Amino acid sequence: MILAKVIGTVWATKKDEKLVGMKLQIVRPVELDYKEKSGFLVAVDTVGAGVGEVVLVCQGSSARQTALTENRPVDATIMAIVDKLDVVE
């Protein structure tokens, strides 16, 4: 899984019928101290995350194992909204 921050939303009025009704969010990976890394992903939001929230994202075949994404053309899914991190170093 990838720790990431939601930085925006993708609006696509024309898309594959299997994606109709799904919210697409733009997420940027972050470090454990929430410092943003470079790059971004577009992920299907299955938990109702909003811009500015830190989330957990899974990719690949794991992204298609939720009730909302099963058998859909999805490569990244927001699986959880992070409330807190406890890091022991």
PDB file of N, CA and C in Angstrom:
ATOM      1  N   MET A   1       0.829  -1.182   0.000  1.00  0.00           N
ATOM      2  CA  MET A   1       0.000   0.000   0.000  1.00  0.00           C
ATOM      3  C   MET A   1       0.871   1.242   0.000  1.00  0.00           C
ATOM      4  N   ILE A   2       0.293   2.315  -0.471  1.00  0.00           N
ATOM      5  CA  ILE A   2       0.998   3.594  -0.587  1.00  0.00           C
ATOM      6  C   ILE A   2       0.314   4.609   0.316  1.00  0.00           C
ATOM      7  N   LEU A   3       1.106   5.318   1.113  1.00  0.00           N
ATOM      8  CA  LEU A   3       0.599   6.424   1.911  1.00  0.00           C
ATOM      9  C   LEU A   3       0.590   7.652   1.012  1.00  0.00           C
ATOM     10  N   ALA A   4      -0.553   8.328   0.885  1.00  0.00           N
ATOM     11  CA  ALA A   4      -0.670   9.438  -0.062  1.00  0.00           C
ATOM     12  C   ALA A   4      -1.627  10.502   0.472  1.00  0.00           C
ATOM     13  N   LYS A   5      -1.557  11.672  -0.157  1.00  0.00           N
ATOM     14  CA  LYS A   5      -2.446  12.785   0.185  1.00  0.00           C
ATOM     15  C   LYS A   5      -3.321  13.096  -1.023  1.00  0.00           C
ATOM     16  N   VAL A   6      -4.610  13.287  -0.799  1.00  0.00           N
ATOM     17  CA  VAL A   6      -5.526  13.648  -1.880  1.00  0.00           C
ATOM     18  C   VAL A   6      -5.287  15.113  -2.225  1.00  0.00           C
ATOM     19  N   ILE A   7      -4.960  15.368  -3.511  1.00  0.00           N
ATOM     20  CA  ILE A   7      -4.644  16.737  -3.931  1.00  0.00           C
ATOM     21  C   ILE A   7      -5.628  17.283  -4.967  1.00  0.00           C
ATOM     22  N   GLY A   8      -6.572  16.468  -5.393  1.00  0.00           N
ATOM     23  CA  GLY A   8      -7.528  16.954  -6.375  1.00  0.00           C
ATOM     24  C   GLY A   8      -8.484  15.877  -6.837  1.00  0.00           C
ATOM     25  N   THR A   9      -9.373  16.258  -7.737  1.00  0.00           N
ATOM     26  CA  THR A   9     -10.392  15.365  -8.271  1.00  0.00           C
ATOM     27  C   THR A   9     -10.356  15.396  -9.789  1.00  0.00           C
ATOM     28  N   VAL A  10     -10.578  14.247 -10.399  1.00  0.00           N
ATOM     29  CA  VAL A  10     -10.679  14.156 -11.861  1.00  0.00           C
ATOM     30  C   VAL A  10     -12.158  14.136 -12.223  1.00  0.00           C
ATOM     31  N   TRP A  11     -12.559  15.028 -13.115  1.00  0.00           N
ATOM     32  CA  TRP A  11     -13.922  15.057 -13.621  1.00  0.00           C
ATOM     33  C   TRP A  11     -13.896  14.519 -15.047  1.00  0.00           C
ATOM     34  N   ALA A  12     -14.607  13.445 -15.303  1.00  0.00           N
ATOM     35  CA  ALA A  12     -14.660  12.849 -16.639  1.00  0.00           C
ATOM     36  C   ALA A  12     -16.113  12.474 -16.932  1.00  0.00           C
ATOM     37  N   THR A  13     -16.784  13.273 -17.740  1.00  0.00           N
ATOM     38  CA  THR A  13     -18.192  13.002 -18.027  1.00  0.00           C
ATOM     39  C   THR A  13     -18.366  11.846 -19.009  1.00  0.00           C
ATOM     40  N   LYS A  14     -17.369  11.622 -19.840  1.00  0.00           N
ATOM     41  CA  LYS A  14     -17.407  10.486 -20.758  1.00  0.00           C
ATOM     42  C   LYS A  14     -16.326   9.506 -20.327  1.00  0.00           C
ATOM     43  N   LYS A  15     -16.746   8.297 -19.974  1.00  0.00           N
ATOM     44  CA  LYS A  15     -15.808   7.274 -19.515  1.00  0.00           C
ATOM     45  C   LYS A  15     -16.424   5.903 -19.736  1.00  0.00           C
ATOM     46  N   ASP A  16     -15.618   4.874 -19.556  1.00  0.00           N
ATOM     47  CA  ASP A  16     -16.096   3.505 -19.672  1.00  0.00           C
ATOM     48  C   ASP A  16     -17.292   3.316 -18.752  1.00  0.00           C
ATOM     49  N   GLU A  17     -18.297   2.594 -19.223  1.00  0.00           N
ATOM     50  CA  GLU A  17     -19.512   2.413 -18.433  1.00  0.00           C
ATOM     51  C   GLU A  17     -19.260   1.738 -17.085  1.00  0.00           C
ATOM     52  N   LYS A  18     -18.185   0.970 -16.967  1.00  0.00           N
ATOM     53  CA  LYS A  18     -17.860   0.322 -15.696  1.00  0.00           C
ATOM     54  C   LYS A  18     -17.320   1.307 -14.655  1.00  0.00           C
ATOM     55  N   LEU A  19     -16.998   2.532 -15.093  1.00  0.00           N
ATOM     56  CA  LEU A  19     -16.500   3.554 -14.167  1.00  0.00           C
ATOM     57  C   LEU A  19     -17.565   4.589 -13.798  1.00  0.00           C
ATOM     58  N   VAL A  20     -18.737   4.490 -14.402  1.00  0.00           N
ATOM     59  CA  VAL A  20     -19.809   5.447 -14.115  1.00  0.00           C
ATOM     60  C   VAL A  20     -20.158   5.368 -12.625  1.00  0.00           C
ATOM     61  N   GLY A  21     -20.244   6.532 -11.991  1.00  0.00           N
ATOM     62  CA  GLY A  21     -20.588   6.608 -10.580  1.00  0.00           C
ATOM     63  C   GLY A  21     -19.404   6.526  -9.638  1.00  0.00           C
ATOM     64  N   MET A  22     -18.209   6.313 -10.172  1.00  0.00           N
ATOM     65  CA  MET A  22     -17.021   6.224  -9.332  1.00  0.00           C
ATOM     66  C   MET A  22     -16.317   7.573  -9.259  1.00  0.00           C
ATOM     67  N   LYS A  23     -15.875   7.934  -8.062  1.00  0.00           N
ATOM     68  CA  LYS A  23     -15.158   9.189  -7.853  1.00  0.00           C
ATOM     69  C   LYS A  23     -13.671   8.942  -8.070  1.00  0.00           C
ATOM     70  N   LEU A  24     -13.053   9.753  -8.931  1.00  0.00           N
ATOM     71  CA  LEU A  24     -11.628   9.627  -9.232  1.00  0.00           C
ATOM     72  C   LEU A  24     -10.867  10.752  -8.548  1.00  0.00           C
ATOM     73  N   GLN A  25      -9.914  10.396  -7.714  1.00  0.00           N
ATOM     74  CA  GLN A  25      -9.134  11.375  -6.962  1.00  0.00           C
ATOM     75  C   GLN A  25      -7.677  11.356  -7.425  1.00  0.00           C
ATOM     76  N   ILE A  26      -7.057  12.530  -7.393  1.00  0.00           N
ATOM     77  CA  ILE A  26      -5.623  12.649  -7.671  1.00  0.00           C
ATOM     78  C   ILE A  26      -4.914  12.590  -6.328  1.00  0.00           C
ATOM     79  N   VAL A  27      -3.968  11.660  -6.187  1.00  0.00           N
ATOM     80  CA  VAL A  27      -3.239  11.512  -4.934  1.00  0.00           C
ATOM     81  C   VAL A  27      -1.736  11.616  -5.183  1.00  0.00           C
ATOM     82  N   ARG A  28      -1.031  12.184  -4.209  1.00  0.00           N
ATOM     83  CA  ARG A  28       0.429  12.305  -4.279  1.00  0.00           C
ATOM     84  C   ARG A  28       1.017  11.518  -3.102  1.00  0.00           C
ATOM     85  N   PRO A  29       1.931  10.579  -3.375  1.00  0.00           N
ATOM     86  CA  PRO A  29       2.578   9.828  -2.291  1.00  0.00           C
ATOM     87  C   PRO A  29       3.274  10.763  -1.296  1.00  0.00           C
ATOM     88  N   VAL A  30       3.289  10.352  -0.024  1.00  0.00           N
ATOM     89  CA  VAL A  30       3.937  11.133   1.029  1.00  0.00           C
ATOM     90  C   VAL A  30       4.868  10.243   1.850  1.00  0.00           C
ATOM     91  N   GLU A  31       5.826  10.885   2.519  1.00  0.00           N
ATOM     92  CA  GLU A  31       6.731  10.205   3.459  1.00  0.00           C
ATOM     93  C   GLU A  31       5.987   9.998   4.782  1.00  0.00           C
ATOM     94  N   LEU A  32       6.636   9.320   5.728  1.00  0.00           N
ATOM     95  CA  LEU A  32       6.018   9.090   7.038  1.00  0.00           C
ATOM     96  C   LEU A  32       5.783  10.380   7.812  1.00  0.00           C
ATOM     97  N   ASP A  33       6.540  11.433   7.480  1.00  0.00           N
ATOM     98  CA  ASP A  33       6.332  12.734   8.126  1.00  0.00           C
ATOM     99  C   ASP A  33       5.368  13.608   7.315  1.00  0.00           C
ATOM    100  N   TYR A  34       4.680  13.008   6.354  1.00  0.00           N
ATOM    101  CA  TYR A  34       3.694  13.646   5.474  1.00  0.00           C
ATOM    102  C   TYR A  34       4.307  14.584   4.436  1.00  0.00           C
ATOM    103  N   LYS A  35       5.632  14.593   4.319  1.00  0.00           N
ATOM    104  CA  LYS A  35       6.275  15.395   3.273  1.00  0.00           C
ATOM    105  C   LYS A  35       5.944  14.763   1.920  1.00  0.00           C
ATOM    106  N   GLU A  36       5.471  15.585   0.989  1.00  0.00           N
ATOM    107  CA  GLU A  36       5.056  15.068  -0.309  1.00  0.00           C
ATOM    108  C   GLU A  36       6.246  14.620  -1.154  1.00  0.00           C
ATOM    109  N   LYS A  37       6.077  13.501  -1.838  1.00  0.00           N
ATOM    110  CA  LYS A  37       7.055  13.002  -2.805  1.00  0.00           C
ATOM    111  C   LYS A  37       6.665  13.547  -4.176  1.00  0.00           C
ATOM    112  N   SER A  38       7.483  13.266  -5.171  1.00  0.00           N
ATOM    113  CA  SER A  38       7.134  13.690  -6.529  1.00  0.00           C
ATOM    114  C   SER A  38       6.174  12.677  -7.156  1.00  0.00           C
ATOM    115  N   GLY A  39       5.492  13.111  -8.177  1.00  0.00           N
ATOM    116  CA  GLY A  39       4.583  12.236  -8.905  1.00  0.00           C
ATOM    117  C   GLY A  39       3.172  12.248  -8.342  1.00  0.00           C
ATOM    118  N   PHE A  40       2.296  11.508  -9.018  1.00  0.00           N
ATOM    119  CA  PHE A  40       0.902  11.425  -8.592  1.00  0.00           C
ATOM    120  C   PHE A  40       0.269  10.175  -9.179  1.00  0.00           C
ATOM    121  N   LEU A  41      -0.890   9.814  -8.650  1.00  0.00           N
ATOM    122  CA  LEU A  41      -1.703   8.707  -9.156  1.00  0.00           C
ATOM    123  C   LEU A  41      -3.141   9.191  -9.247  1.00  0.00           C
ATOM    124  N   VAL A  42      -3.905   8.580 -10.112  1.00  0.00           N
ATOM    125  CA  VAL A  42      -5.351   8.766 -10.103  1.00  0.00           C
ATOM    126  C   VAL A  42      -5.924   7.473  -9.545  1.00  0.00           C
ATOM    127  N   ALA A  43      -6.733   7.605  -8.487  1.00  0.00           N
ATOM    128  CA  ALA A  43      -7.256   6.425  -7.799  1.00  0.00           C
ATOM    129  C   ALA A  43      -8.763   6.540  -7.628  1.00  0.00           C
ATOM    130  N   VAL A  44      -9.452   5.405  -7.710  1.00  0.00           N
ATOM    131  CA  VAL A  44     -10.874   5.357  -7.420  1.00  0.00           C
ATOM    132  C   VAL A  44     -11.039   5.456  -5.910  1.00  0.00           C
ATOM    133  N   ASP A  45     -11.935   6.336  -5.477  1.00  0.00           N
ATOM    134  CA  ASP A  45     -12.166   6.552  -4.053  1.00  0.00           C
ATOM    135  C   ASP A  45     -13.321   5.679  -3.581  1.00  0.00           C
ATOM    136  N   THR A  46     -13.029   4.685  -2.742  1.00  0.00           N
ATOM    137  CA  THR A  46     -14.075   3.787  -2.239  1.00  0.00           C
ATOM    138  C   THR A  46     -14.517   4.138  -0.819  1.00  0.00           C
ATOM    139  N   VAL A  47     -13.896   5.179  -0.225  1.00  0.00           N
ATOM    140  CA  VAL A  47     -14.183   5.492   1.183  1.00  0.00           C
ATOM    141  C   VAL A  47     -14.651   6.928   1.419  1.00  0.00           C
ATOM    142  N   GLY A  48     -14.803   7.732   0.387  1.00  0.00           N
ATOM    143  CA  GLY A  48     -15.284   9.100   0.550  1.00  0.00           C
ATOM    144  C   GLY A  48     -14.243  10.080   1.050  1.00  0.00           C
ATOM    145  N   ALA A  49     -13.000   9.919   0.624  1.00  0.00           N
ATOM    146  CA  ALA A  49     -11.922  10.824   1.032  1.00  0.00           C
ATOM    147  C   ALA A  49     -12.078  12.183   0.363  1.00  0.00           C
ATOM    148  N   GLY A  50     -11.545  13.208   1.019  1.00  0.00           N
ATOM    149  CA  GLY A  50     -11.610  14.549   0.470  1.00  0.00           C
ATOM    150  C   GLY A  50     -10.227  15.128   0.259  1.00  0.00           C
ATOM    151  N   VAL A  51     -10.167  16.231  -0.473  1.00  0.00           N
ATOM    152  CA  VAL A  51      -8.900  16.913  -0.736  1.00  0.00           C
ATOM    153  C   VAL A  51      -8.256  17.286   0.593  1.00  0.00           C
ATOM    154  N   GLY A  52      -6.957  17.011   0.705  1.00  0.00           N
ATOM    155  CA  GLY A  52      -6.194  17.314   1.906  1.00  0.00           C
ATOM    156  C   GLY A  52      -6.067  16.144   2.861  1.00  0.00           C
ATOM    157  N   GLU A  53      -6.865  15.100   2.688  1.00  0.00           N
ATOM    158  CA  GLU A  53      -6.782  13.953   3.594  1.00  0.00           C
ATOM    159  C   GLU A  53      -5.658  13.016   3.184  1.00  0.00           C
ATOM    160  N   VAL A  54      -5.066  12.361   4.184  1.00  0.00           N
ATOM    161  CA  VAL A  54      -4.039  11.351   3.954  1.00  0.00           C
ATOM    162  C   VAL A  54      -4.755  10.007   3.877  1.00  0.00           C
ATOM    163  N   VAL A  55      -4.396   9.215   2.869  1.00  0.00           N
ATOM    164  CA  VAL A  55      -5.101   7.970   2.580  1.00  0.00           C
ATOM    165  C   VAL A  55      -4.121   6.834   2.319  1.00  0.00           C
ATOM    166  N   LEU A  56      -4.652   5.609   2.321  1.00  0.00           N
ATOM    167  CA  LEU A  56      -3.900   4.437   1.890  1.00  0.00           C
ATOM    168  C   LEU A  56      -4.427   4.024   0.524  1.00  0.00           C
ATOM    169  N   VAL A  57      -3.504   3.813  -0.403  1.00  0.00           N
ATOM    170  CA  VAL A  57      -3.852   3.453  -1.780  1.00  0.00           C
ATOM    171  C   VAL A  57      -3.223   2.107  -2.097  1.00  0.00           C
ATOM    172  N   CYS A  58      -3.983   1.222  -2.729  1.00  0.00           N
ATOM    173  CA  CYS A  58      -3.397  -0.018  -3.233  1.00  0.00           C
ATOM    174  C   CYS A  58      -3.472   0.017  -4.755  1.00  0.00           C
ATOM    175  N   GLN A  59      -2.572  -0.754  -5.368  1.00  0.00           N
ATOM    176  CA  GLN A  59      -2.478  -0.764  -6.832  1.00  0.00           C
ATOM    177  C   GLN A  59      -2.525  -2.179  -7.366  1.00  0.00           C
ATOM    178  N   GLY A  60      -2.678  -2.277  -8.670  1.00  0.00           N
ATOM    179  CA  GLY A  60      -2.655  -3.565  -9.341  1.00  0.00           C
ATOM    180  C   GLY A  60      -3.906  -4.375  -9.062  1.00  0.00           C
ATOM    181  N   SER A  61      -3.766  -5.708  -9.052  1.00  0.00           N
ATOM    182  CA  SER A  61      -4.934  -6.575  -8.870  1.00  0.00           C
ATOM    183  C   SER A  61      -5.608  -6.352  -7.523  1.00  0.00           C
ATOM    184  N   SER A  62      -4.862  -5.914  -6.512  1.00  0.00           N
ATOM    185  CA  SER A  62      -5.461  -5.626  -5.199  1.00  0.00           C
ATOM    186  C   SER A  62      -6.469  -4.489  -5.288  1.00  0.00           C
ATOM    187  N   ALA A  63      -6.274  -3.578  -6.219  1.00  0.00           N
ATOM    188  CA  ALA A  63      -7.177  -2.440  -6.382  1.00  0.00           C
ATOM    189  C   ALA A  63      -8.559  -2.866  -6.875  1.00  0.00           C
ATOM    190  N   ARG A  64      -8.664  -4.066  -7.389  1.00  0.00           N
ATOM    191  CA  ARG A  64      -9.933  -4.558  -7.915  1.00  0.00           C
ATOM    192  C   ARG A  64     -10.604  -5.547  -6.962  1.00  0.00           C
ATOM    193  N   GLN A  65     -10.227  -5.530  -5.697  1.00  0.00           N
ATOM    194  CA  GLN A  65     -10.780  -6.493  -4.746  1.00  0.00           C
ATOM    195  C   GLN A  65     -11.722  -5.869  -3.726  1.00  0.00           C
ATOM    196  N   THR A  66     -12.313  -4.727  -4.052  1.00  0.00           N
ATOM    197  CA  THR A  66     -13.326  -4.144  -3.181  1.00  0.00           C
ATOM    198  C   THR A  66     -14.699  -4.392  -3.806  1.00  0.00           C
ATOM    199  N   ALA A  67     -15.735  -4.198  -3.023  1.00  0.00           N
ATOM    200  CA  ALA A  67     -17.092  -4.382  -3.545  1.00  0.00           C
ATOM    201  C   ALA A  67     -17.373  -3.427  -4.703  1.00  0.00           C
ATOM    202  N   LEU A  68     -16.808  -2.213  -4.642  1.00  0.00           N
ATOM    203  CA  LEU A  68     -17.055  -1.215  -5.692  1.00  0.00           C
ATOM    204  C   LEU A  68     -16.207  -1.409  -6.941  1.00  0.00           C
ATOM    205  N   THR A  69     -15.030  -2.002  -6.804  1.00  0.00           N
ATOM    206  CA  THR A  69     -14.107  -2.063  -7.940  1.00  0.00           C
ATOM    207  C   THR A  69     -13.965  -3.441  -8.575  1.00  0.00           C
ATOM    208  N   GLU A  70     -14.629  -4.437  -8.045  1.00  0.00           N
ATOM    209  CA  GLU A  70     -14.496  -5.793  -8.563  1.00  0.00           C
ATOM    210  C   GLU A  70     -14.882  -5.847 -10.042  1.00  0.00           C
ATOM    211  N   ASN A  71     -14.002  -6.444 -10.845  1.00  0.00           N
ATOM    212  CA  ASN A  71     -14.208  -6.605 -12.288  1.00  0.00           C
ATOM    213  C   ASN A  71     -14.344  -5.289 -13.042  1.00  0.00           C
ATOM    214  N   ARG A  72     -13.669  -4.261 -12.561  1.00  0.00           N
ATOM    215  CA  ARG A  72     -13.687  -2.954 -13.235  1.00  0.00           C
ATOM    216  C   ARG A  72     -12.258  -2.591 -13.655  1.00  0.00           C
ATOM    217  N   PRO A  73     -12.108  -1.716 -14.650  1.00  0.00           N
ATOM    218  CA  PRO A  73     -10.781  -1.348 -15.151  1.00  0.00           C
ATOM    219  C   PRO A  73     -10.104  -0.329 -14.221  1.00  0.00           C
ATOM    220  N   VAL A  74      -9.656  -0.807 -13.055  1.00  0.00           N
ATOM    221  CA  VAL A  74      -9.083   0.047 -12.020  1.00  0.00           C
ATOM    222  C   VAL A  74      -7.676  -0.444 -11.686  1.00  0.00           C
ATOM    223  N   ASP A  75      -6.730   0.498 -11.577  1.00  0.00           N
ATOM    224  CA  ASP A  75      -5.359   0.127 -11.214  1.00  0.00           C
ATOM    225  C   ASP A  75      -4.920   0.725  -9.887  1.00  0.00           C
ATOM    226  N   ALA A  76      -5.696   1.658  -9.321  1.00  0.00           N
ATOM    227  CA  ALA A  76      -5.369   2.242  -8.021  1.00  0.00           C
ATOM    228  C   ALA A  76      -6.672   2.565  -7.295  1.00  0.00           C
ATOM    229  N   THR A  77      -6.729   2.209  -6.005  1.00  0.00           N
ATOM    230  CA  THR A  77      -7.932   2.409  -5.213  1.00  0.00           C
ATOM    231  C   THR A  77      -7.572   2.986  -3.851  1.00  0.00           C
ATOM    232  N   ILE A  78      -8.314   4.018  -3.438  1.00  0.00           N
ATOM    233  CA  ILE A  78      -8.181   4.528  -2.073  1.00  0.00           C
ATOM    234  C   ILE A  78      -8.957   3.576  -1.180  1.00  0.00           C
ATOM    235  N   MET A  79      -8.232   2.920  -0.243  1.00  0.00           N
ATOM    236  CA  MET A  79      -8.815   1.883   0.603  1.00  0.00           C
ATOM    237  C   MET A  79      -9.122   2.352   2.020  1.00  0.00           C
ATOM    238  N   ALA A  80      -8.471   3.444   2.462  1.00  0.00           N
ATOM    239  CA  ALA A  80      -8.657   3.899   3.846  1.00  0.00           C
ATOM    240  C   ALA A  80      -8.257   5.359   3.971  1.00  0.00           C
ATOM    241  N   ILE A  81      -8.881   6.040   4.920  1.00  0.00           N
ATOM    242  CA  ILE A  81      -8.480   7.390   5.301  1.00  0.00           C
ATOM    243  C   ILE A  81      -7.672   7.244   6.587  1.00  0.00           C
ATOM    244  N   VAL A  82      -6.482   7.824   6.610  1.00  0.00           N
ATOM    245  CA  VAL A  82      -5.573   7.685   7.750  1.00  0.00           C
ATOM    246  C   VAL A  82      -5.932   8.716   8.823  1.00  0.00           C
ATOM    247  N   ASP A  83      -6.149   8.236  10.031  1.00  0.00           N
ATOM    248  CA  ASP A  83      -6.414   9.123  11.162  1.00  0.00           C
ATOM    249  C   ASP A  83      -5.113   9.527  11.862  1.00  0.00           C
ATOM    250  N   LYS A  84      -4.186   8.576  11.970  1.00  0.00           N
ATOM    251  CA  LYS A  84      -2.969   8.819  12.738  1.00  0.00           C
ATOM    252  C   LYS A  84      -1.923   7.783  12.360  1.00  0.00           C
ATOM    253  N   LEU A  85      -0.653   8.174  12.420  1.00  0.00           N
ATOM    254  CA  LEU A  85       0.456   7.248  12.248  1.00  0.00           C
ATOM    255  C   LEU A  85       1.235   7.179  13.551  1.00  0.00           C
ATOM    256  N   ASP A  86       1.592   5.992  13.975  1.00  0.00           N
ATOM    257  CA  ASP A  86       2.501   5.800  15.108  1.00  0.00           C
ATOM    258  C   ASP A  86       3.746   5.134  14.555  1.00  0.00           C
ATOM    259  N   VAL A  87       4.836   5.866  14.506  1.00  0.00           N
ATOM    260  CA  VAL A  87       6.080   5.360  13.942  1.00  0.00           C
ATOM    261  C   VAL A  87       7.104   5.220  15.058  1.00  0.00           C
ATOM    262  N   VAL A  88       7.676   4.031  15.227  1.00  0.00           N
ATOM    263  CA  VAL A  88       8.707   3.792  16.231  1.00  0.00           C
ATOM    264  C   VAL A  88      10.029   3.597  15.503  1.00  0.00           C
ATOM    265  N   GLU A  89      10.978   4.437  15.814  1.00  0.00           N
ATOM    266  CA  GLU A  89      12.285   4.344  15.126  1.00  0.00           C
ATOM    267  C   GLU A  89      13.361   3.954  16.101  1.00  0.00           C
TER     268      GLU A  89
END
